[in-house]
Amino acid sequence: MLHLTTCRALVLIMATAVDVCQADTVGDPHNGLALAQQVCAQCHATIAELARSPDLRAPTFSELKSAPGMTRTALLVALTTPHAGMPMFTLSSEQRDDIIAYILSLR
């Protein structure tokens, strides 16, 4: 029989895991792929099967997904903050969420 404290700890861990999983499901990856192919594919390899981006200075989406520390928040900052070589697009928050969901869905 599990001790009450152990049970509470397990419930807390499971609840946290559910919150983390739900946080990663913001946005629609299918819409994100379609949008990425329209907006991002000129510079980035947007599908996992492509090993190189059209612009060799631009990371592939697979590389972005695999980068250490890459999170939904980091991608949101990248899509909303001007940085060298990246044009600033006017995307709705839903469009940004969809692109982020797509990038995070890559394996």
PDB file of N, CA and C in Angstrom:
ATOM      1  N   MET A   1       0.836  -1.177   0.000  1.00  0.00           N
ATOM      2  CA  MET A   1       0.000   0.000   0.000  1.00  0.00           C
ATOM      3  C   MET A   1       0.884   1.244   0.000  1.00  0.00           C
ATOM      4  N   LEU A   2       0.568   2.191  -0.901  1.00  0.00           N
ATOM      5  CA  LEU A   2       1.359   3.403  -0.998  1.00  0.00           C
ATOM      6  C   LEU A   2       1.037   4.340   0.164  1.00  0.00           C
ATOM      7  N   HIS A   3       2.042   4.975   0.622  1.00  0.00           N
ATOM      8  CA  HIS A   3       1.893   5.972   1.674  1.00  0.00           C
ATOM      9  C   HIS A   3       1.159   7.176   1.096  1.00  0.00           C
ATOM     10  N   LEU A   4       0.336   7.862   1.884  1.00  0.00           N
ATOM     11  CA  LEU A   4      -0.469   8.990   1.438  1.00  0.00           C
ATOM     12  C   LEU A   4       0.393  10.086   0.808  1.00  0.00           C
ATOM     13  N   THR A   5       1.549  10.372   1.364  1.00  0.00           N
ATOM     14  CA  THR A   5       2.435  11.398   0.822  1.00  0.00           C
ATOM     15  C   THR A   5       2.925  10.995  -0.558  1.00  0.00           C
ATOM     16  N   THR A   6       3.238   9.725  -0.732  1.00  0.00           N
ATOM     17  CA  THR A   6       3.682   9.222  -2.029  1.00  0.00           C
ATOM     18  C   THR A   6       2.564   9.360  -3.052  1.00  0.00           C
ATOM     19  N   CYS A   7       1.346   9.037  -2.672  1.00  0.00           N
ATOM     20  CA  CYS A   7       0.194   9.174  -3.568  1.00  0.00           C
ATOM     21  C   CYS A   7      -0.005  10.620  -3.991  1.00  0.00           C
ATOM     22  N   ARG A   8       0.102  11.523  -3.037  1.00  0.00           N
ATOM     23  CA  ARG A   8      -0.061  12.948  -3.358  1.00  0.00           C
ATOM     24  C   ARG A   8       1.030  13.405  -4.320  1.00  0.00           C
ATOM     25  N   ALA A   9       2.256  12.965  -4.106  1.00  0.00           N
ATOM     26  CA  ALA A   9       3.355  13.338  -4.990  1.00  0.00           C
ATOM     27  C   ALA A   9       3.111  12.810  -6.401  1.00  0.00           C
ATOM     28  N   LEU A  10       2.625  11.577  -6.514  1.00  0.00           N
ATOM     29  CA  LEU A  10       2.338  11.007  -7.831  1.00  0.00           C
ATOM     30  C   LEU A  10       1.235  11.783  -8.538  1.00  0.00           C
ATOM     31  N   VAL A  11       0.206  12.155  -7.806  1.00  0.00           N
ATOM     32  CA  VAL A  11      -0.890  12.937  -8.393  1.00  0.00           C
ATOM     33  C   VAL A  11      -0.369  14.281  -8.881  1.00  0.00           C
ATOM     34  N   LEU A  12       0.481  14.936  -8.100  1.00  0.00           N
ATOM     35  CA  LEU A  12       1.051  16.224  -8.487  1.00  0.00           C
ATOM     36  C   LEU A  12       1.902  16.079  -9.747  1.00  0.00           C
ATOM     37  N   ILE A  13       2.708  15.055  -9.810  1.00  0.00           N
ATOM     38  CA  ILE A  13       3.552  14.815 -10.988  1.00  0.00           C
ATOM     39  C   ILE A  13       2.683  14.581 -12.221  1.00  0.00           C
ATOM     40  N   MET A  14       1.647  13.767 -12.080  1.00  0.00           N
ATOM     41  CA  MET A  14       0.770  13.471 -13.208  1.00  0.00           C
ATOM     42  C   MET A  14       0.027  14.728 -13.663  1.00  0.00           C
ATOM     43  N   ALA A  15      -0.426  15.536 -12.736  1.00  0.00           N
ATOM     44  CA  ALA A  15      -1.131  16.766 -13.083  1.00  0.00           C
ATOM     45  C   ALA A  15      -0.209  17.723 -13.821  1.00  0.00           C
ATOM     46  N   THR A  16       1.030  17.817 -13.365  1.00  0.00           N
ATOM     47  CA  THR A  16       2.012  18.665 -14.036  1.00  0.00           C
ATOM     48  C   THR A  16       2.273  18.163 -15.440  1.00  0.00           C
ATOM     49  N   ALA A  17       2.396  16.859 -15.616  1.00  0.00           N
ATOM     50  CA  ALA A  17       2.626  16.276 -16.941  1.00  0.00           C
ATOM     51  C   ALA A  17       1.467  16.586 -17.871  1.00  0.00           C
ATOM     52  N   VAL A  18       0.256  16.522 -17.384  1.00  0.00           N
ATOM     53  CA  VAL A  18      -0.914  16.837 -18.202  1.00  0.00           C
ATOM     54  C   VAL A  18      -0.876  18.300 -18.617  1.00  0.00           C
ATOM     55  N   ASP A  19      -0.533  19.202 -17.688  1.00  0.00           N
ATOM     56  CA  ASP A  19      -0.442  20.618 -18.017  1.00  0.00           C
ATOM     57  C   ASP A  19       0.603  20.869 -19.091  1.00  0.00           C
ATOM     58  N   VAL A  20       1.758  20.221 -18.983  1.00  0.00           N
ATOM     59  CA  VAL A  20       2.814  20.386 -19.968  1.00  0.00           C
ATOM     60  C   VAL A  20       2.344  19.883 -21.324  1.00  0.00           C
ATOM     61  N   CYS A  21       1.697  18.731 -21.368  1.00  0.00           N
ATOM     62  CA  CYS A  21       1.196  18.187 -22.632  1.00  0.00           C
ATOM     63  C   CYS A  21       0.153  19.107 -23.238  1.00  0.00           C
ATOM     64  N   GLN A  22      -0.730  19.639 -22.433  1.00  0.00           N
ATOM     65  CA  GLN A  22      -1.751  20.528 -22.957  1.00  0.00           C
ATOM     66  C   GLN A  22      -1.148  21.828 -23.459  1.00  0.00           C
ATOM     67  N   ALA A  23      -0.112  22.299 -22.811  1.00  0.00           N
ATOM     68  CA  ALA A  23       0.533  23.531 -23.243  1.00  0.00           C
ATOM     69  C   ALA A  23       1.160  23.364 -24.617  1.00  0.00           C
ATOM     70  N   ASP A  24       1.632  22.162 -24.929  1.00  0.00           N
ATOM     71  CA  ASP A  24       2.249  21.907 -26.217  1.00  0.00           C
ATOM     72  C   ASP A  24       1.229  21.744 -27.340  1.00  0.00           C
ATOM     73  N   THR A  25      -0.053  21.656 -27.025  1.00  0.00           N
ATOM     74  CA  THR A  25      -1.051  21.432 -28.053  1.00  0.00           C
ATOM     75  C   THR A  25      -1.703  22.729 -28.534  1.00  0.00           C
ATOM     76  N   VAL A  26      -1.162  23.875 -28.171  1.00  0.00           N
ATOM     77  CA  VAL A  26      -1.687  25.144 -28.650  1.00  0.00           C
ATOM     78  C   VAL A  26      -1.354  25.252 -30.130  1.00  0.00           C
ATOM     79  N   GLY A  27      -2.339  25.549 -30.927  1.00  0.00           N
ATOM     80  CA  GLY A  27      -2.119  25.689 -32.362  1.00  0.00           C
ATOM     81  C   GLY A  27      -2.414  24.408 -33.114  1.00  0.00           C
ATOM     82  N   ASP A  28      -2.560  24.542 -34.422  1.00  0.00           N
ATOM     83  CA  ASP A  28      -2.863  23.420 -35.299  1.00  0.00           C
ATOM     84  C   ASP A  28      -1.666  23.162 -36.211  1.00  0.00           C
ATOM     85  N   PRO A  29      -0.956  22.041 -36.021  1.00  0.00           N
ATOM     86  CA  PRO A  29       0.230  21.775 -36.836  1.00  0.00           C
ATOM     87  C   PRO A  29      -0.063  21.660 -38.332  1.00  0.00           C
ATOM     88  N   HIS A  30      -1.244  21.177 -38.701  1.00  0.00           N
ATOM     89  CA  HIS A  30      -1.577  21.063 -40.127  1.00  0.00           C
ATOM     90  C   HIS A  30      -1.704  22.446 -40.765  1.00  0.00           C
ATOM     91  N   ASN A  31      -2.373  23.355 -40.075  1.00  0.00           N
ATOM     92  CA  ASN A  31      -2.451  24.730 -40.565  1.00  0.00           C
ATOM     93  C   ASN A  31      -1.066  25.373 -40.552  1.00  0.00           C
ATOM     94  N   GLY A  32      -0.271  25.036 -39.543  1.00  0.00           N
ATOM     95  CA  GLY A  32       1.080  25.582 -39.440  1.00  0.00           C
ATOM     96  C   GLY A  32       1.954  25.169 -40.603  1.00  0.00           C
ATOM     97  N   LEU A  33       1.841  23.921 -41.039  1.00  0.00           N
ATOM     98  CA  LEU A  33       2.617  23.466 -42.201  1.00  0.00           C
ATOM     99  C   LEU A  33       2.205  24.246 -43.442  1.00  0.00           C
ATOM    100  N   ALA A  34       0.905  24.368 -43.670  1.00  0.00           N
ATOM    101  CA  ALA A  34       0.430  25.091 -44.853  1.00  0.00           C
ATOM    102  C   ALA A  34       0.916  26.540 -44.832  1.00  0.00           C
ATOM    103  N   LEU A  35       0.828  27.175 -43.690  1.00  0.00           N
ATOM    104  CA  LEU A  35       1.275  28.563 -43.565  1.00  0.00           C
ATOM    105  C   LEU A  35       2.794  28.669 -43.720  1.00  0.00           C
ATOM    106  N   ALA A  36       3.526  27.740 -43.119  1.00  0.00           N
ATOM    107  CA  ALA A  36       4.985  27.752 -43.231  1.00  0.00           C
ATOM    108  C   ALA A  36       5.423  27.593 -44.684  1.00  0.00           C
ATOM    109  N   GLN A  37       4.712  26.768 -45.431  1.00  0.00           N
ATOM    110  CA  GLN A  37       5.070  26.592 -46.844  1.00  0.00           C
ATOM    111  C   GLN A  37       4.805  27.862 -47.641  1.00  0.00           C
ATOM    112  N   GLN A  38       3.822  28.653 -47.227  1.00  0.00           N
ATOM    113  CA  GLN A  38       3.525  29.916 -47.906  1.00  0.00           C
ATOM    114  C   GLN A  38       4.478  31.028 -47.496  1.00  0.00           C
ATOM    115  N   VAL A  39       4.798  31.086 -46.197  1.00  0.00           N
ATOM    116  CA  VAL A  39       5.514  32.240 -45.646  1.00  0.00           C
ATOM    117  C   VAL A  39       7.000  31.978 -45.418  1.00  0.00           C
ATOM    118  N   CYS A  40       7.355  30.780 -45.006  1.00  0.00           N
ATOM    119  CA  CYS A  40       8.714  30.506 -44.532  1.00  0.00           C
ATOM    120  C   CYS A  40       9.592  29.730 -45.520  1.00  0.00           C
ATOM    121  N   ALA A  41       8.970  29.009 -46.445  1.00  0.00           N
ATOM    122  CA  ALA A  41       9.709  28.067 -47.291  1.00  0.00           C
ATOM    123  C   ALA A  41      10.669  28.736 -48.265  1.00  0.00           C
ATOM    124  N   GLN A  42      10.522  30.020 -48.490  1.00  0.00           N
ATOM    125  CA  GLN A  42      11.461  30.706 -49.373  1.00  0.00           C
ATOM    126  C   GLN A  42      12.878  30.659 -48.782  1.00  0.00           C
ATOM    127  N   CYS A  43      12.977  30.656 -47.456  1.00  0.00           N
ATOM    128  CA  CYS A  43      14.281  30.638 -46.794  1.00  0.00           C
ATOM    129  C   CYS A  43      14.566  29.339 -46.043  1.00  0.00           C
ATOM    130  N   HIS A  44      13.539  28.760 -45.403  1.00  0.00           N
ATOM    131  CA  HIS A  44      13.708  27.591 -44.536  1.00  0.00           C
ATOM    132  C   HIS A  44      13.205  26.311 -45.192  1.00  0.00           C
ATOM    133  N   ALA A  45      13.889  25.201 -44.903  1.00  0.00           N
ATOM    134  CA  ALA A  45      13.338  23.883 -45.224  1.00  0.00           C
ATOM    135  C   ALA A  45      12.261  23.627 -44.180  1.00  0.00           C
ATOM    136  N   THR A  46      11.021  23.605 -44.618  1.00  0.00           N
ATOM    137  CA  THR A  46       9.915  23.524 -43.665  1.00  0.00           C
ATOM    138  C   THR A  46       9.457  22.104 -43.388  1.00  0.00           C
ATOM    139  N   ILE A  47       9.894  21.139 -44.194  1.00  0.00           N
ATOM    140  CA  ILE A  47       9.505  19.751 -43.946  1.00  0.00           C
ATOM    141  C   ILE A  47      10.730  18.941 -43.552  1.00  0.00           C
ATOM    142  N   ALA A  48      10.513  17.958 -42.725  1.00  0.00           N
ATOM    143  CA  ALA A  48      11.609  17.189 -42.121  1.00  0.00           C
ATOM    144  C   ALA A  48      12.469  16.476 -43.165  1.00  0.00           C
ATOM    145  N   GLU A  49      11.888  16.131 -44.302  1.00  0.00           N
ATOM    146  CA  GLU A  49      12.621  15.375 -45.316  1.00  0.00           C
ATOM    147  C   GLU A  49      13.699  16.191 -46.021  1.00  0.00           C
ATOM    148  N   LEU A  50      13.625  17.514 -45.921  1.00  0.00           N
ATOM    149  CA  LEU A  50      14.619  18.372 -46.563  1.00  0.00           C
ATOM    150  C   LEU A  50      15.791  18.604 -45.617  1.00  0.00           C
ATOM    151  N   ALA A  51      16.989  18.278 -46.094  1.00  0.00           N
ATOM    152  CA  ALA A  51      18.178  18.383 -45.247  1.00  0.00           C
ATOM    153  C   ALA A  51      18.773  19.783 -45.239  1.00  0.00           C
ATOM    154  N   ARG A  52      18.440  20.591 -46.260  1.00  0.00           N
ATOM    155  CA  ARG A  52      19.013  21.938 -46.357  1.00  0.00           C
ATOM    156  C   ARG A  52      17.918  22.943 -46.661  1.00  0.00           C
ATOM    157  N   SER A  53      18.111  24.127 -46.150  1.00  0.00           N
ATOM    158  CA  SER A  53      17.192  25.221 -46.451  1.00  0.00           C
ATOM    159  C   SER A  53      17.603  25.887 -47.754  1.00  0.00           C
ATOM    160  N   PRO A  54      16.646  26.479 -48.475  1.00  0.00           N
ATOM    161  CA  PRO A  54      17.001  27.219 -49.690  1.00  0.00           C
ATOM    162  C   PRO A  54      18.026  28.327 -49.413  1.00  0.00           C
ATOM    163  N   ASP A  55      17.885  29.011 -48.294  1.00  0.00           N
ATOM    164  CA  ASP A  55      18.873  29.992 -47.847  1.00  0.00           C
ATOM    165  C   ASP A  55      19.760  29.260 -46.840  1.00  0.00           C
ATOM    166  N   LEU A  56      20.994  29.011 -47.203  1.00  0.00           N
ATOM    167  CA  LEU A  56      21.875  28.205 -46.353  1.00  0.00           C
ATOM    168  C   LEU A  56      22.129  28.821 -44.987  1.00  0.00           C
ATOM    169  N   ARG A  57      21.842  30.111 -44.809  1.00  0.00           N
ATOM    170  CA  ARG A  57      21.987  30.753 -43.502  1.00  0.00           C
ATOM    171  C   ARG A  57      20.786  30.479 -42.602  1.00  0.00           C
ATOM    172  N   ALA A  58      19.691  30.035 -43.191  1.00  0.00           N
ATOM    173  CA  ALA A  58      18.460  29.810 -42.425  1.00  0.00           C
ATOM    174  C   ALA A  58      18.404  28.356 -41.954  1.00  0.00           C
ATOM    175  N   PRO A  59      18.196  28.136 -40.676  1.00  0.00           N
ATOM    176  CA  PRO A  59      18.102  26.749 -40.194  1.00  0.00           C
ATOM    177  C   PRO A  59      16.849  26.059 -40.741  1.00  0.00           C
ATOM    178  N   THR A  60      16.949  24.751 -40.880  1.00  0.00           N
ATOM    179  CA  THR A  60      15.760  23.991 -41.251  1.00  0.00           C
ATOM    180  C   THR A  60      14.821  23.980 -40.055  1.00  0.00           C
ATOM    181  N   PHE A  61      13.549  23.710 -40.300  1.00  0.00           N
ATOM    182  CA  PHE A  61      12.615  23.617 -39.188  1.00  0.00           C
ATOM    183  C   PHE A  61      12.990  22.450 -38.278  1.00  0.00           C
ATOM    184  N   SER A  62      13.529  21.380 -38.844  1.00  0.00           N
ATOM    185  CA  SER A  62      13.975  20.243 -38.013  1.00  0.00           C
ATOM    186  C   SER A  62      15.116  20.667 -37.097  1.00  0.00           C
ATOM    187  N   GLU A  63      16.033  21.484 -37.614  1.00  0.00           N
ATOM    188  CA  GLU A  63      17.126  21.987 -36.779  1.00  0.00           C
ATOM    189  C   GLU A  63      16.587  22.891 -35.673  1.00  0.00           C
ATOM    190  N   LEU A  64      15.602  23.713 -36.010  1.00  0.00           N
ATOM    191  CA  LEU A  64      14.999  24.566 -34.986  1.00  0.00           C
ATOM    192  C   LEU A  64      14.393  23.718 -33.877  1.00  0.00           C
ATOM    193  N   LYS A  65      13.646  22.693 -34.259  1.00  0.00           N
ATOM    194  CA  LYS A  65      12.988  21.812 -33.285  1.00  0.00           C
ATOM    195  C   LYS A  65      14.014  21.142 -32.375  1.00  0.00           C
ATOM    196  N   SER A  66      15.160  20.758 -32.950  1.00  0.00           N
ATOM    197  CA  SER A  66      16.168  20.001 -32.206  1.00  0.00           C
ATOM    198  C   SER A  66      17.145  20.875 -31.435  1.00  0.00           C
ATOM    199  N   ALA A  67      17.094  22.177 -31.620  1.00  0.00           N
ATOM    200  CA  ALA A  67      18.052  23.057 -30.955  1.00  0.00           C
ATOM    201  C   ALA A  67      17.884  22.981 -29.438  1.00  0.00           C
ATOM    202  N   PRO A  68      18.991  22.933 -28.704  1.00  0.00           N
ATOM    203  CA  PRO A  68      18.897  22.899 -27.236  1.00  0.00           C
ATOM    204  C   PRO A  68      18.117  24.103 -26.710  1.00  0.00           C
ATOM    205  N   GLY A  69      17.216  23.837 -25.808  1.00  0.00           N
ATOM    206  CA  GLY A  69      16.434  24.900 -25.188  1.00  0.00           C
ATOM    207  C   GLY A  69      15.273  25.402 -26.032  1.00  0.00           C
ATOM    208  N   MET A  70      15.023  24.737 -27.163  1.00  0.00           N
ATOM    209  CA  MET A  70      13.936  25.201 -28.017  1.00  0.00           C
ATOM    210  C   MET A  70      12.598  24.823 -27.394  1.00  0.00           C
ATOM    211  N   THR A  71      11.812  25.822 -27.122  1.00  0.00           N
ATOM    212  CA  THR A  71      10.502  25.643 -26.515  1.00  0.00           C
ATOM    213  C   THR A  71       9.503  26.471 -27.298  1.00  0.00           C
ATOM    214  N   ARG A  72       8.246  26.316 -26.938  1.00  0.00           N
ATOM    215  CA  ARG A  72       7.197  27.130 -27.546  1.00  0.00           C
ATOM    216  C   ARG A  72       7.494  28.615 -27.326  1.00  0.00           C
ATOM    217  N   THR A  73       7.931  28.949 -26.126  1.00  0.00           N
ATOM    218  CA  THR A  73       8.235  30.347 -25.804  1.00  0.00           C
ATOM    219  C   THR A  73       9.397  30.864 -26.644  1.00  0.00           C
ATOM    220  N   ALA A  74      10.437  30.052 -26.804  1.00  0.00           N
ATOM    221  CA  ALA A  74      11.580  30.476 -27.609  1.00  0.00           C
ATOM    222  C   ALA A  74      11.169  30.714 -29.061  1.00  0.00           C
ATOM    223  N   LEU A  75      10.317  29.846 -29.592  1.00  0.00           N
ATOM    224  CA  LEU A  75       9.839  30.029 -30.961  1.00  0.00           C
ATOM    225  C   LEU A  75       8.948  31.268 -31.073  1.00  0.00           C
ATOM    226  N   LEU A  76       8.142  31.514 -30.072  1.00  0.00           N
ATOM    227  CA  LEU A  76       7.291  32.702 -30.070  1.00  0.00           C
ATOM    228  C   LEU A  76       8.149  33.963 -30.098  1.00  0.00           C
ATOM    229  N   VAL A  77       9.208  33.986 -29.310  1.00  0.00           N
ATOM    230  CA  VAL A  77      10.123  35.130 -29.302  1.00  0.00           C
ATOM    231  C   VAL A  77      10.763  35.281 -30.681  1.00  0.00           C
ATOM    232  N   ALA A  78      11.180  34.173 -31.278  1.00  0.00           N
ATOM    233  CA  ALA A  78      11.812  34.234 -32.599  1.00  0.00           C
ATOM    234  C   ALA A  78      10.864  34.783 -33.657  1.00  0.00           C
ATOM    235  N   LEU A  79       9.591  34.467 -33.530  1.00  0.00           N
ATOM    236  CA  LEU A  79       8.616  34.927 -34.524  1.00  0.00           C
ATOM    237  C   LEU A  79       8.112  36.346 -34.267  1.00  0.00           C
ATOM    238  N   THR A  80       8.416  36.898 -33.112  1.00  0.00           N
ATOM    239  CA  THR A  80       7.898  38.235 -32.790  1.00  0.00           C
ATOM    240  C   THR A  80       8.990  39.273 -32.546  1.00  0.00           C
ATOM    241  N   THR A  81      10.244  38.856 -32.604  1.00  0.00           N
ATOM    242  CA  THR A  81      11.359  39.765 -32.350  1.00  0.00           C
ATOM    243  C   THR A  81      12.244  39.842 -33.582  1.00  0.00           C
ATOM    244  N   PRO A  82      12.512  41.048 -34.058  1.00  0.00           N
ATOM    245  CA  PRO A  82      13.409  41.163 -35.216  1.00  0.00           C
ATOM    246  C   PRO A  82      14.794  40.629 -34.877  1.00  0.00           C
ATOM    247  N   HIS A  83      15.366  39.873 -35.812  1.00  0.00           N
ATOM    248  CA  HIS A  83      16.749  39.430 -35.655  1.00  0.00           C
ATOM    249  C   HIS A  83      17.393  39.317 -37.028  1.00  0.00           C
ATOM    250  N   ALA A  84      18.711  39.295 -37.041  1.00  0.00           N
ATOM    251  CA  ALA A  84      19.486  39.364 -38.275  1.00  0.00           C
ATOM    252  C   ALA A  84      19.006  38.359 -39.314  1.00  0.00           C
ATOM    253  N   GLY A  85      18.765  38.877 -40.505  1.00  0.00           N
ATOM    254  CA  GLY A  85      18.437  38.021 -41.629  1.00  0.00           C
ATOM    255  C   GLY A  85      17.002  37.547 -41.705  1.00  0.00           C
ATOM    256  N   MET A  86      16.204  37.783 -40.679  1.00  0.00           N
ATOM    257  CA  MET A  86      14.818  37.292 -40.675  1.00  0.00           C
ATOM    258  C   MET A  86      13.876  38.461 -40.900  1.00  0.00           C
ATOM    259  N   PRO A  87      13.109  38.405 -41.997  1.00  0.00           N
ATOM    260  CA  PRO A  87      12.129  39.472 -42.186  1.00  0.00           C
ATOM    261  C   PRO A  87      11.022  39.362 -41.149  1.00  0.00           C
ATOM    262  N   MET A  88      10.447  40.478 -40.796  1.00  0.00           N
ATOM    263  CA  MET A  88       9.346  40.470 -39.844  1.00  0.00           C
ATOM    264  C   MET A  88       8.035  40.345 -40.609  1.00  0.00           C
ATOM    265  N   PHE A  89       7.315  39.304 -40.278  1.00  0.00           N
ATOM    266  CA  PHE A  89       6.019  39.066 -40.895  1.00  0.00           C
ATOM    267  C   PHE A  89       4.933  39.522 -39.936  1.00  0.00           C
ATOM    268  N   THR A  90       3.822  39.925 -40.487  1.00  0.00           N
ATOM    269  CA  THR A  90       2.677  40.257 -39.660  1.00  0.00           C
ATOM    270  C   THR A  90       1.795  39.023 -39.600  1.00  0.00           C
ATOM    271  N   LEU A  91       1.931  38.281 -38.510  1.00  0.00           N
ATOM    272  CA  LEU A  91       1.156  37.057 -38.308  1.00  0.00           C
ATOM    273  C   LEU A  91       0.221  37.259 -37.131  1.00  0.00           C
ATOM    274  N   SER A  92      -0.964  36.699 -37.239  1.00  0.00           N
ATOM    275  CA  SER A  92      -1.877  36.738 -36.097  1.00  0.00           C
ATOM    276  C   SER A  92      -1.336  35.796 -35.028  1.00  0.00           C
ATOM    277  N   SER A  93      -1.825  35.934 -33.817  1.00  0.00           N
ATOM    278  CA  SER A  93      -1.377  35.026 -32.749  1.00  0.00           C
ATOM    279  C   SER A  93      -1.763  33.586 -33.089  1.00  0.00           C
ATOM    280  N   GLU A  94      -2.893  33.384 -33.735  1.00  0.00           N
ATOM    281  CA  GLU A  94      -3.300  32.035 -34.140  1.00  0.00           C
ATOM    282  C   GLU A  94      -2.338  31.469 -35.188  1.00  0.00           C
ATOM    283  N   GLN A  95      -1.926  32.288 -36.142  1.00  0.00           N
ATOM    284  CA  GLN A  95      -0.970  31.825 -37.154  1.00  0.00           C
ATOM    285  C   GLN A  95       0.368  31.472 -36.515  1.00  0.00           C
ATOM    286  N   ARG A  96       0.825  32.317 -35.590  1.00  0.00           N
ATOM    287  CA  ARG A  96       2.079  32.005 -34.888  1.00  0.00           C
ATOM    288  C   ARG A  96       1.945  30.696 -34.119  1.00  0.00           C
ATOM    289  N   ASP A  97       0.830  30.520 -33.413  1.00  0.00           N
ATOM    290  CA  ASP A  97       0.605  29.278 -32.666  1.00  0.00           C
ATOM    291  C   ASP A  97       0.616  28.071 -33.588  1.00  0.00           C
ATOM    292  N   ASP A  98       0.030  28.210 -34.775  1.00  0.00           N
ATOM    293  CA  ASP A  98      -0.014  27.097 -35.722  1.00  0.00           C
ATOM    294  C   ASP A  98       1.388  26.745 -36.223  1.00  0.00           C
ATOM    295  N   ILE A  99       2.179  27.753 -36.583  1.00  0.00           N
ATOM    296  CA  ILE A  99       3.548  27.496 -37.050  1.00  0.00           C
ATOM    297  C   ILE A  99       4.371  26.865 -35.931  1.00  0.00           C
ATOM    298  N   ILE A 100       4.245  27.376 -34.724  1.00  0.00           N
ATOM    299  CA  ILE A 100       4.972  26.823 -33.584  1.00  0.00           C
ATOM    300  C   ILE A 100       4.543  25.382 -33.333  1.00  0.00           C
ATOM    301  N   ALA A 101       3.252  25.114 -33.380  1.00  0.00           N
ATOM    302  CA  ALA A 101       2.759  23.747 -33.194  1.00  0.00           C
ATOM    303  C   ALA A 101       3.330  22.819 -34.253  1.00  0.00           C
ATOM    304  N   TYR A 102       3.421  23.312 -35.484  1.00  0.00           N
ATOM    305  CA  TYR A 102       3.994  22.484 -36.549  1.00  0.00           C
ATOM    306  C   TYR A 102       5.474  22.199 -36.281  1.00  0.00           C
ATOM    307  N   ILE A 103       6.241  23.221 -35.965  1.00  0.00           N
ATOM    308  CA  ILE A 103       7.678  23.013 -35.714  1.00  0.00           C
ATOM    309  C   ILE A 103       7.874  22.019 -34.565  1.00  0.00           C
ATOM    310  N   LEU A 104       7.110  22.189 -33.495  1.00  0.00           N
ATOM    311  CA  LEU A 104       7.264  21.300 -32.338  1.00  0.00           C
ATOM    312  C   LEU A 104       6.770  19.881 -32.632  1.00  0.00           C
ATOM    313  N   SER A 105       5.965  19.714 -33.684  1.00  0.00           N
ATOM    314  CA  SER A 105       5.470  18.379 -34.029  1.00  0.00           C
ATOM    315  C   SER A 105       6.485  17.578 -34.843  1.00  0.00           C
ATOM    316  N   LEU A 106       7.506  18.243 -35.363  1.00  0.00           N
ATOM    317  CA  LEU A 106       8.496  17.541 -36.190  1.00  0.00           C
ATOM    318  C   LEU A 106       9.272  16.546 -35.363  1.00  0.00           C
ATOM    319  N   ARG A 107       9.592  15.436 -35.962  1.00  0.00           N
ATOM    320  CA  ARG A 107      10.369  14.394 -35.267  1.00  0.00           C
ATOM    321  C   ARG A 107      11.709  14.235 -35.911  1.00  0.00           C
TER     322      ARG A 107
END
